[in-house]
């Protein structure tokens, strides 16, 4: 799946209660793609991870390793086009209803200018 949007970093409360960083929950910071256009996804018949239809999605949490964060960091706050595999949130660490792993950059004019 290829999605386009603005790459942002967001922090949400994590363990132990997933309610409030100010009240002692650990901060969980990840990269997210704020989509240029809302998307709808169907349940994946192959069982790849989107197990129910979702409509009007405008925020996708990116599941990245250290190298993935390093590659995308220069594009924070900028428009990018990313490809990857979508799956539905299924743990308290998932702060968007839709997530993307196996992320790679398809297009980023901002990245091309910096090389």
Protein backbone atom coordinates (compact mmCIF):
# COMPACT_ATOMS: atom_id res chain seq x y z
CA UNK A 1 0.00 0.00 0.00
CA UNK A 2 1.29 3.48 -0.84
CA UNK A 3 0.13 6.43 1.27
CA UNK A 4 0.95 10.14 1.08
CA UNK A 5 0.88 12.69 3.86
CA UNK A 6 2.81 14.71 6.40
CA UNK A 7 5.33 12.87 8.58
CA UNK A 8 4.93 13.83 12.24
CA UNK A 9 6.16 12.68 15.63
CA UNK A 10 3.59 12.21 18.39
CA UNK A 11 3.86 11.15 22.03
CA UNK A 12 1.13 9.27 23.88
CA UNK A 13 0.96 7.89 27.44
CA UNK A 14 2.17 4.32 27.82
CA UNK A 15 2.70 1.95 30.74
CA UNK A 16 1.37 1.39 33.27
CA UNK A 17 -2.07 2.98 32.72
CA UNK A 18 -1.94 4.46 29.18
CA UNK A 19 -3.77 7.56 30.44
CA UNK A 20 -1.48 10.41 31.49
CA UNK A 21 2.24 11.14 31.18
CA UNK A 22 1.81 13.90 33.78
CA UNK A 23 0.54 11.30 36.25
CA UNK A 24 3.45 8.91 35.70
CA UNK A 25 2.76 6.90 32.55
CA UNK A 26 5.79 6.33 30.33
CA UNK A 27 5.83 8.45 27.16
CA UNK A 28 5.59 6.47 23.92
CA UNK A 29 6.90 8.46 20.97
CA UNK A 30 6.52 7.26 17.39
CA UNK A 31 6.36 8.58 13.84
CA UNK A 32 2.94 8.93 12.21
CA UNK A 33 1.71 9.76 8.76
CA UNK A 34 -1.09 12.35 8.71
CA UNK A 35 -2.73 11.42 5.45
CA UNK A 36 -3.30 13.94 2.71
CA UNK A 37 -6.58 12.16 1.86
CA UNK A 38 -8.57 9.94 4.19
CA UNK A 39 -8.53 6.25 3.30
CA UNK A 40 -10.80 3.26 3.74
CA UNK A 41 -9.54 -0.29 4.04
CA UNK A 42 -11.34 -3.60 3.67
CA UNK A 43 -10.79 -6.64 5.81
CA UNK A 44 -7.87 -8.56 4.38
CA UNK A 45 -9.00 -11.98 3.18
CA UNK A 46 -5.40 -13.22 3.31
CA UNK A 47 -5.18 -12.49 7.03
CA UNK A 48 -2.29 -10.04 6.72
CA UNK A 49 -3.48 -7.92 9.62
CA UNK A 50 -6.39 -5.69 8.63
CA UNK A 51 -9.06 -7.84 10.19
CA UNK A 52 -12.03 -5.48 9.88
CA UNK A 53 -13.06 -2.71 7.48
CA UNK A 54 -12.13 0.82 8.50
CA UNK A 55 -13.31 4.10 6.98
CA UNK A 56 -12.16 7.71 7.18
CA UNK A 57 -8.63 6.96 8.40
CA UNK A 58 -6.39 10.02 8.46
CA UNK A 59 -3.62 8.93 10.85
CA UNK A 60 -1.32 5.92 10.43
CA UNK A 61 1.24 4.88 13.05
CA UNK A 62 4.54 3.77 11.52
CA UNK A 63 6.26 0.69 12.94
CA UNK A 64 9.96 1.33 12.45
CA UNK A 65 13.28 -0.06 13.57
CA UNK A 66 16.22 2.19 14.47
CA UNK A 67 17.31 2.44 10.83
CA UNK A 68 13.77 3.35 9.74
CA UNK A 69 13.64 6.21 12.23
CA UNK A 70 17.07 7.40 11.07
CA UNK A 71 16.02 7.43 7.41
CA UNK A 72 12.73 9.23 7.99
CA UNK A 73 13.85 11.75 10.62
CA UNK A 74 15.02 14.36 8.06
CA UNK A 75 11.47 14.41 6.64
CA UNK A 76 9.65 15.15 9.92
CA UNK A 77 7.12 17.91 9.31
CA UNK A 78 7.28 17.40 5.55
CA UNK A 79 5.19 15.65 2.91
CA UNK A 80 6.27 12.13 2.02
CA UNK A 81 4.95 9.14 0.12
CA UNK A 82 5.51 5.80 1.86
CA UNK A 83 4.85 2.19 1.00
CA UNK A 84 4.36 -0.62 3.45
CA UNK A 85 2.06 -3.26 4.85
CA UNK A 86 -1.02 -2.11 6.78
CA UNK A 87 -2.44 -3.79 9.85
CA UNK A 88 -5.05 -2.97 12.46
CA UNK A 89 -4.20 -1.81 15.97
CA UNK A 90 -4.30 -4.66 18.46
CA UNK A 91 -2.29 -3.58 21.53
CA UNK A 92 -2.31 -0.64 23.93
CA UNK A 93 0.96 0.49 22.30
CA UNK A 94 -0.89 1.15 19.05
CA UNK A 95 -2.10 4.75 19.17
CA UNK A 96 -3.77 4.86 15.74
CA UNK A 97 -6.40 2.45 14.45
CA UNK A 98 -4.22 1.64 11.42
CA UNK A 99 -0.48 0.95 11.40
CA UNK A 100 2.12 0.39 8.69
CA UNK A 101 5.21 -1.81 8.91
CA UNK A 102 7.83 -2.74 6.30
CA UNK A 103 7.93 1.00 5.56
CA UNK A 104 9.96 2.41 2.68
CA UNK A 105 10.11 5.83 1.08
CA UNK A 106 8.46 5.95 -2.33
CA UNK A 107 8.87 9.66 -2.93
CA UNK A 108 9.99 12.66 -0.97
CA UNK A 109 11.07 15.75 -2.79
CA UNK A 110 12.46 17.01 0.52
CA UNK A 111 14.77 14.01 0.85
CA UNK A 112 15.95 14.25 -2.76
CA UNK A 113 16.96 17.88 -2.27
CA UNK A 114 19.10 17.02 0.79
CA UNK A 115 21.20 14.35 -0.93
